[in-house]
Amino acid sequence: MIETTRQTEGYRAMPVLINEDDHFRFPDPDNHYLTALGQYVSWGYFDPEGYQSPPVEWGIDTERKRQFFAKAKEITGF
């Protein structure tokens, strides 16, 4: 999708944003998070089990959240 967007007639150099992506697969080497970062594209995490669904649960209390934050730590070193 990123490459298709960038090859669209009339496209000019500008930021590309992927927001609220619900395709997780964080342990997979070809997940959307890593693909977006590799293409210098902003990527937004959509979490239907807490962050966007009231009542909001801000903790890292599900396996999906743990996988996301583990991947972020792997990428950033923090």
PDB file of N, CA and C in Angstrom:
ATOM      1  N   MET A   1       0.820  -1.188   0.000  1.00  0.00           N
ATOM      2  CA  MET A   1       0.000   0.000   0.000  1.00  0.00           C
ATOM      3  C   MET A   1       0.871   1.261   0.000  1.00  0.00           C
ATOM      4  N   ILE A   2       1.971   1.213   0.732  1.00  0.00           N
ATOM      5  CA  ILE A   2       2.868   2.367   0.786  1.00  0.00           C
ATOM      6  C   ILE A   2       3.456   2.655  -0.591  1.00  0.00           C
ATOM      7  N   GLU A   3       3.995   1.619  -1.221  1.00  0.00           N
ATOM      8  CA  GLU A   3       4.590   1.802  -2.548  1.00  0.00           C
ATOM      9  C   GLU A   3       3.540   2.218  -3.574  1.00  0.00           C
ATOM     10  N   THR A   4       2.365   1.629  -3.514  1.00  0.00           N
ATOM     11  CA  THR A   4       1.287   1.995  -4.444  1.00  0.00           C
ATOM     12  C   THR A   4       0.931   3.466  -4.285  1.00  0.00           C
ATOM     13  N   THR A   5       0.844   3.934  -3.049  1.00  0.00           N
ATOM     14  CA  THR A   5       0.539   5.340  -2.790  1.00  0.00           C
ATOM     15  C   THR A   5       1.626   6.241  -3.350  1.00  0.00           C
ATOM     16  N   ARG A   6       2.863   5.872  -3.130  1.00  0.00           N
ATOM     17  CA  ARG A   6       3.974   6.708  -3.596  1.00  0.00           C
ATOM     18  C   ARG A   6       4.117   6.712  -5.115  1.00  0.00           C
ATOM     19  N   GLN A   7       3.582   5.715  -5.781  1.00  0.00           N
ATOM     20  CA  GLN A   7       3.666   5.650  -7.239  1.00  0.00           C
ATOM     21  C   GLN A   7       2.435   6.225  -7.929  1.00  0.00           C
ATOM     22  N   THR A   8       1.482   6.697  -7.150  1.00  0.00           N
ATOM     23  CA  THR A   8       0.263   7.274  -7.703  1.00  0.00           C
ATOM     24  C   THR A   8       0.583   8.570  -8.442  1.00  0.00           C
ATOM     25  N   GLU A   9      -0.056   8.749  -9.602  1.00  0.00           N
ATOM     26  CA  GLU A   9       0.151   9.975 -10.357  1.00  0.00           C
ATOM     27  C   GLU A   9      -0.234  11.165  -9.485  1.00  0.00           C
ATOM     28  N   GLY A  10       0.610  12.147  -9.471  1.00  0.00           N
ATOM     29  CA  GLY A  10       0.352  13.341  -8.680  1.00  0.00           C
ATOM     30  C   GLY A  10       0.940  13.292  -7.282  1.00  0.00           C
ATOM     31  N   TYR A  11       1.457  12.129  -6.892  1.00  0.00           N
ATOM     32  CA  TYR A  11       2.076  12.036  -5.571  1.00  0.00           C
ATOM     33  C   TYR A  11       3.320  12.905  -5.559  1.00  0.00           C
ATOM     34  N   ARG A  12       3.508  13.607  -4.459  1.00  0.00           N
ATOM     35  CA  ARG A  12       4.725  14.386  -4.268  1.00  0.00           C
ATOM     36  C   ARG A  12       5.294  14.022  -2.905  1.00  0.00           C
ATOM     37  N   ALA A  13       6.532  14.319  -2.673  1.00  0.00           N
ATOM     38  CA  ALA A  13       7.174  13.960  -1.405  1.00  0.00           C
ATOM     39  C   ALA A  13       6.421  14.593  -0.235  1.00  0.00           C
ATOM     40  N   MET A  14       5.864  13.750   0.596  1.00  0.00           N
ATOM     41  CA  MET A  14       5.130  14.203   1.771  1.00  0.00           C
ATOM     42  C   MET A  14       5.054  13.043   2.758  1.00  0.00           C
ATOM     43  N   PRO A  15       4.777  13.332   4.013  1.00  0.00           N
ATOM     44  CA  PRO A  15       4.664  12.249   4.988  1.00  0.00           C
ATOM     45  C   PRO A  15       3.516  11.295   4.659  1.00  0.00           C
ATOM     46  N   VAL A  16       3.735  10.034   4.935  1.00  0.00           N
ATOM     47  CA  VAL A  16       2.689   9.021   4.793  1.00  0.00           C
ATOM     48  C   VAL A  16       2.373   8.531   6.196  1.00  0.00           C
ATOM     49  N   LEU A  17       1.096   8.440   6.509  1.00  0.00           N
ATOM     50  CA  LEU A  17       0.649   8.065   7.839  1.00  0.00           C
ATOM     51  C   LEU A  17      -0.273   6.860   7.754  1.00  0.00           C
ATOM     52  N   ILE A  18       0.032   5.834   8.513  1.00  0.00           N
ATOM     53  CA  ILE A  18      -0.871   4.698   8.677  1.00  0.00           C
ATOM     54  C   ILE A  18      -1.365   4.784  10.109  1.00  0.00           C
ATOM     55  N   ASN A  19      -2.662   4.958  10.277  1.00  0.00           N
ATOM     56  CA  ASN A  19      -3.219   5.181  11.605  1.00  0.00           C
ATOM     57  C   ASN A  19      -4.168   4.048  11.987  1.00  0.00           C
ATOM     58  N   GLU A  20      -4.075   3.637  13.234  1.00  0.00           N
ATOM     59  CA  GLU A  20      -4.952   2.636  13.824  1.00  0.00           C
ATOM     60  C   GLU A  20      -4.996   1.338  13.021  1.00  0.00           C
ATOM     61  N   ASP A  21      -3.834   0.783  12.800  1.00  0.00           N
ATOM     62  CA  ASP A  21      -3.694  -0.494  12.098  1.00  0.00           C
ATOM     63  C   ASP A  21      -3.998  -1.629  13.071  1.00  0.00           C
ATOM     64  N   ASP A  22      -4.872  -2.511  12.670  1.00  0.00           N
ATOM     65  CA  ASP A  22      -5.225  -3.647  13.536  1.00  0.00           C
ATOM     66  C   ASP A  22      -4.622  -4.962  13.038  1.00  0.00           C
ATOM     67  N   HIS A  23      -3.559  -4.862  12.253  1.00  0.00           N
ATOM     68  CA  HIS A  23      -2.834  -6.047  11.800  1.00  0.00           C
ATOM     69  C   HIS A  23      -1.606  -6.194  12.694  1.00  0.00           C
ATOM     70  N   PHE A  24      -1.663  -7.127  13.613  1.00  0.00           N
ATOM     71  CA  PHE A  24      -0.678  -7.197  14.683  1.00  0.00           C
ATOM     72  C   PHE A  24       0.519  -8.050  14.289  1.00  0.00           C
ATOM     73  N   ARG A  25       0.503  -9.336  14.504  1.00  0.00           N
ATOM     74  CA  ARG A  25       1.589 -10.250  14.141  1.00  0.00           C
ATOM     75  C   ARG A  25       2.962  -9.677  14.500  1.00  0.00           C
ATOM     76  N   PHE A  26       3.103  -9.060  15.661  1.00  0.00           N
ATOM     77  CA  PHE A  26       4.358  -8.412  16.040  1.00  0.00           C
ATOM     78  C   PHE A  26       5.567  -9.342  16.007  1.00  0.00           C
ATOM     79  N   PRO A  27       5.438 -10.620  16.344  1.00  0.00           N
ATOM     80  CA  PRO A  27       6.615 -11.497  16.276  1.00  0.00           C
ATOM     81  C   PRO A  27       7.077 -11.818  14.849  1.00  0.00           C
ATOM     82  N   ASP A  28       6.206 -11.638  13.847  1.00  0.00           N
ATOM     83  CA  ASP A  28       6.561 -11.965  12.464  1.00  0.00           C
ATOM     84  C   ASP A  28       7.526 -10.925  11.886  1.00  0.00           C
ATOM     85  N   PRO A  29       8.504 -11.361  11.112  1.00  0.00           N
ATOM     86  CA  PRO A  29       9.476 -10.412  10.552  1.00  0.00           C
ATOM     87  C   PRO A  29       8.890  -9.484   9.485  1.00  0.00           C
ATOM     88  N   ASP A  30       7.712  -9.802   8.951  1.00  0.00           N
ATOM     89  CA  ASP A  30       7.112  -8.957   7.914  1.00  0.00           C
ATOM     90  C   ASP A  30       5.844  -8.269   8.406  1.00  0.00           C
ATOM     91  N   ASN A  31       5.760  -7.948   9.700  1.00  0.00           N
ATOM     92  CA  ASN A  31       4.549  -7.307  10.210  1.00  0.00           C
ATOM     93  C   ASN A  31       4.449  -5.857   9.731  1.00  0.00           C
ATOM     94  N   HIS A  32       3.256  -5.303   9.800  1.00  0.00           N
ATOM     95  CA  HIS A  32       3.000  -3.952   9.286  1.00  0.00           C
ATOM     96  C   HIS A  32       3.813  -2.884  10.003  1.00  0.00           C
ATOM     97  N   TYR A  33       4.015  -3.063  11.295  1.00  0.00           N
ATOM     98  CA  TYR A  33       4.783  -2.110  12.105  1.00  0.00           C
ATOM     99  C   TYR A  33       6.200  -1.962  11.532  1.00  0.00           C
ATOM    100  N   LEU A  34       6.892  -3.062  11.350  1.00  0.00           N
ATOM    101  CA  LEU A  34       8.262  -3.014  10.823  1.00  0.00           C
ATOM    102  C   LEU A  34       8.304  -2.548   9.369  1.00  0.00           C
ATOM    103  N   THR A  35       7.323  -2.951   8.585  1.00  0.00           N
ATOM    104  CA  THR A  35       7.272  -2.517   7.187  1.00  0.00           C
ATOM    105  C   THR A  35       7.134  -1.006   7.101  1.00  0.00           C
ATOM    106  N   ALA A  36       6.235  -0.447   7.902  1.00  0.00           N
ATOM    107  CA  ALA A  36       6.052   1.010   7.895  1.00  0.00           C
ATOM    108  C   ALA A  36       7.337   1.723   8.309  1.00  0.00           C
ATOM    109  N   LEU A  37       7.946   1.277   9.392  1.00  0.00           N
ATOM    110  CA  LEU A  37       9.182   1.920   9.842  1.00  0.00           C
ATOM    111  C   LEU A  37      10.281   1.809   8.792  1.00  0.00           C
ATOM    112  N   GLY A  38      10.363   0.666   8.129  1.00  0.00           N
ATOM    113  CA  GLY A  38      11.369   0.467   7.090  1.00  0.00           C
ATOM    114  C   GLY A  38      11.171   1.366   5.885  1.00  0.00           C
ATOM    115  N   GLN A  39       9.945   1.839   5.688  1.00  0.00           N
ATOM    116  CA  GLN A  39       9.627   2.735   4.577  1.00  0.00           C
ATOM    117  C   GLN A  39       9.543   4.195   5.034  1.00  0.00           C
ATOM    118  N   TYR A  40       9.934   4.460   6.289  1.00  0.00           N
ATOM    119  CA  TYR A  40       9.886   5.812   6.870  1.00  0.00           C
ATOM    120  C   TYR A  40       8.461   6.359   6.888  1.00  0.00           C
ATOM    121  N   VAL A  41       7.545   5.509   7.319  1.00  0.00           N
ATOM    122  CA  VAL A  41       6.134   5.852   7.388  1.00  0.00           C
ATOM    123  C   VAL A  41       5.688   5.776   8.844  1.00  0.00           C
ATOM    124  N   SER A  42       4.883   6.736   9.245  1.00  0.00           N
ATOM    125  CA  SER A  42       4.322   6.712  10.586  1.00  0.00           C
ATOM    126  C   SER A  42       3.335   5.554  10.693  1.00  0.00           C
ATOM    127  N   TRP A  43       3.307   4.900  11.852  1.00  0.00           N
ATOM    128  CA  TRP A  43       2.424   3.749  12.040  1.00  0.00           C
ATOM    129  C   TRP A  43       1.717   3.864  13.382  1.00  0.00           C
ATOM    130  N   GLY A  44       0.392   3.744  13.379  1.00  0.00           N
ATOM    131  CA  GLY A  44      -0.396   3.850  14.601  1.00  0.00           C
ATOM    132  C   GLY A  44      -0.994   2.520  15.000  1.00  0.00           C
ATOM    133  N   TYR A  45      -0.816   2.192  16.256  1.00  0.00           N
ATOM    134  CA  TYR A  45      -1.297   0.931  16.830  1.00  0.00           C
ATOM    135  C   TYR A  45      -2.747   1.058  17.258  1.00  0.00           C
ATOM    136  N   PHE A  46      -3.608   0.211  16.742  1.00  0.00           N
ATOM    137  CA  PHE A  46      -5.005   0.134  17.159  1.00  0.00           C
ATOM    138  C   PHE A  46      -5.164  -1.087  18.048  1.00  0.00           C
ATOM    139  N   ASP A  47      -5.602  -0.852  19.265  1.00  0.00           N
ATOM    140  CA  ASP A  47      -5.782  -1.951  20.212  1.00  0.00           C
ATOM    141  C   ASP A  47      -7.242  -2.059  20.628  1.00  0.00           C
ATOM    142  N   PRO A  48      -7.964  -3.017  20.078  1.00  0.00           N
ATOM    143  CA  PRO A  48      -9.387  -3.155  20.420  1.00  0.00           C
ATOM    144  C   PRO A  48      -9.612  -3.693  21.827  1.00  0.00           C
ATOM    145  N   GLU A  49      -8.551  -4.077  22.524  1.00  0.00           N
ATOM    146  CA  GLU A  49      -8.708  -4.645  23.862  1.00  0.00           C
ATOM    147  C   GLU A  49      -8.243  -3.689  24.964  1.00  0.00           C
ATOM    148  N   GLY A  50      -8.384  -2.416  24.766  1.00  0.00           N
ATOM    149  CA  GLY A  50      -7.981  -1.557  25.856  1.00  0.00           C
ATOM    150  C   GLY A  50      -7.801  -0.100  25.558  1.00  0.00           C
ATOM    151  N   TYR A  51      -6.923   0.264  24.647  1.00  0.00           N
ATOM    152  CA  TYR A  51      -6.578   1.667  24.486  1.00  0.00           C
ATOM    153  C   TYR A  51      -7.657   2.479  23.766  1.00  0.00           C
ATOM    154  N   GLN A  52      -8.386   1.901  22.853  1.00  0.00           N
ATOM    155  CA  GLN A  52      -9.420   2.639  22.129  1.00  0.00           C
ATOM    156  C   GLN A  52     -10.841   2.235  22.534  1.00  0.00           C
ATOM    157  N   SER A  53     -10.982   1.363  23.507  1.00  0.00           N
ATOM    158  CA  SER A  53     -12.307   0.843  23.866  1.00  0.00           C
ATOM    159  C   SER A  53     -12.618   1.157  25.332  1.00  0.00           C
ATOM    160  N   PRO A  54     -13.566   2.073  25.565  1.00  0.00           N
ATOM    161  CA  PRO A  54     -13.937   2.364  26.955  1.00  0.00           C
ATOM    162  C   PRO A  54     -14.562   1.132  27.621  1.00  0.00           C
ATOM    163  N   PRO A  55     -14.349   0.951  28.889  1.00  0.00           N
ATOM    164  CA  PRO A  55     -13.447   1.745  29.717  1.00  0.00           C
ATOM    165  C   PRO A  55     -12.004   1.415  29.363  1.00  0.00           C
ATOM    166  N   VAL A  56     -11.205   2.450  29.179  1.00  0.00           N
ATOM    167  CA  VAL A  56      -9.820   2.288  28.749  1.00  0.00           C
ATOM    168  C   VAL A  56      -8.996   1.625  29.842  1.00  0.00           C
ATOM    169  N   GLU A  57      -8.232   0.639  29.444  1.00  0.00           N
ATOM    170  CA  GLU A  57      -7.300  -0.038  30.348  1.00  0.00           C
ATOM    171  C   GLU A  57      -5.903   0.324  29.886  1.00  0.00           C
ATOM    172  N   TRP A  58      -5.238   1.230  30.605  1.00  0.00           N
ATOM    173  CA  TRP A  58      -3.950   1.761  30.173  1.00  0.00           C
ATOM    174  C   TRP A  58      -2.783   0.832  30.468  1.00  0.00           C
ATOM    175  N   GLY A  59      -3.008  -0.222  31.205  1.00  0.00           N
ATOM    176  CA  GLY A  59      -1.921  -1.139  31.531  1.00  0.00           C
ATOM    177  C   GLY A  59      -1.477  -1.968  30.337  1.00  0.00           C
ATOM    178  N   ILE A  60      -0.357  -2.615  30.500  1.00  0.00           N
ATOM    179  CA  ILE A  60       0.148  -3.558  29.490  1.00  0.00           C
ATOM    180  C   ILE A  60      -0.280  -4.934  29.989  1.00  0.00           C
ATOM    181  N   ASP A  61      -1.556  -5.223  29.773  1.00  0.00           N
ATOM    182  CA  ASP A  61      -2.193  -6.350  30.447  1.00  0.00           C
ATOM    183  C   ASP A  61      -2.730  -7.434  29.522  1.00  0.00           C
ATOM    184  N   THR A  62      -2.388  -7.370  28.244  1.00  0.00           N
ATOM    185  CA  THR A  62      -2.794  -8.432  27.316  1.00  0.00           C
ATOM    186  C   THR A  62      -1.556  -8.907  26.554  1.00  0.00           C
ATOM    187  N   GLU A  63      -1.652 -10.064  25.983  1.00  0.00           N
ATOM    188  CA  GLU A  63      -0.524 -10.596  25.208  1.00  0.00           C
ATOM    189  C   GLU A  63      -0.199  -9.689  24.024  1.00  0.00           C
ATOM    190  N   ARG A  64      -1.221  -9.173  23.363  1.00  0.00           N
ATOM    191  CA  ARG A  64      -0.997  -8.290  22.207  1.00  0.00           C
ATOM    192  C   ARG A  64      -0.240  -7.035  22.630  1.00  0.00           C
ATOM    193  N   LYS A  65      -0.632  -6.422  23.747  1.00  0.00           N
ATOM    194  CA  LYS A  65       0.065  -5.229  24.234  1.00  0.00           C
ATOM    195  C   LYS A  65       1.514  -5.573  24.594  1.00  0.00           C
ATOM    196  N   ARG A  66       1.721  -6.704  25.235  1.00  0.00           N
ATOM    197  CA  ARG A  66       3.083  -7.107  25.586  1.00  0.00           C
ATOM    198  C   ARG A  66       3.930  -7.283  24.324  1.00  0.00           C
ATOM    199  N   GLN A  67       3.352  -7.880  23.282  1.00  0.00           N
ATOM    200  CA  GLN A  67       4.087  -8.066  22.030  1.00  0.00           C
ATOM    201  C   GLN A  67       4.425  -6.721  21.387  1.00  0.00           C
ATOM    202  N   PHE A  68       3.465  -5.797  21.399  1.00  0.00           N
ATOM    203  CA  PHE A  68       3.713  -4.475  20.818  1.00  0.00           C
ATOM    204  C   PHE A  68       4.854  -3.768  21.536  1.00  0.00           C
ATOM    205  N   PHE A  69       4.784  -3.719  22.863  1.00  0.00           N
ATOM    206  CA  PHE A  69       5.809  -2.996  23.609  1.00  0.00           C
ATOM    207  C   PHE A  69       7.161  -3.715  23.575  1.00  0.00           C
ATOM    208  N   ALA A  70       7.144  -5.021  23.473  1.00  0.00           N
ATOM    209  CA  ALA A  70       8.405  -5.767  23.319  1.00  0.00           C
ATOM    210  C   ALA A  70       9.046  -5.419  21.975  1.00  0.00           C
ATOM    211  N   LYS A  71       8.240  -5.310  20.934  1.00  0.00           N
ATOM    212  CA  LYS A  71       8.766  -4.946  19.610  1.00  0.00           C
ATOM    213  C   LYS A  71       9.289  -3.511  19.631  1.00  0.00           C
ATOM    214  N   ALA A  72       8.557  -2.603  20.280  1.00  0.00           N
ATOM    215  CA  ALA A  72       9.025  -1.218  20.380  1.00  0.00           C
ATOM    216  C   ALA A  72      10.354  -1.148  21.117  1.00  0.00           C
ATOM    217  N   LYS A  73      10.496  -1.934  22.174  1.00  0.00           N
ATOM    218  CA  LYS A  73      11.755  -1.964  22.923  1.00  0.00           C
ATOM    219  C   LYS A  73      12.876  -2.540  22.066  1.00  0.00           C
ATOM    220  N   GLU A  74      12.570  -3.584  21.306  1.00  0.00           N
ATOM    221  CA  GLU A  74      13.567  -4.193  20.415  1.00  0.00           C
ATOM    222  C   GLU A  74      14.066  -3.171  19.386  1.00  0.00           C
ATOM    223  N   ILE A  75      13.137  -2.385  18.852  1.00  0.00           N
ATOM    224  CA  ILE A  75      13.480  -1.401  17.813  1.00  0.00           C
ATOM    225  C   ILE A  75      14.272  -0.236  18.394  1.00  0.00           C
ATOM    226  N   THR A  76      13.821   0.263  19.543  1.00  0.00           N
ATOM    227  CA  THR A  76      14.406   1.490  20.091  1.00  0.00           C
ATOM    228  C   THR A  76      15.512   1.248  21.100  1.00  0.00           C
ATOM    229  N   GLY A  77      15.534   0.058  21.703  1.00  0.00           N
ATOM    230  CA  GLY A  77      16.498  -0.215  22.751  1.00  0.00           C
ATOM    231  C   GLY A  77      16.063   0.268  24.119  1.00  0.00           C
ATOM    232  N   PHE A  78      14.843   0.785  24.233  1.00  0.00           N
ATOM    233  CA  PHE A  78      14.310   1.276  25.501  1.00  0.00           C
ATOM    234  C   PHE A  78      13.175   0.416  25.985  1.00  0.00           C
TER     235      PHE A  78
END
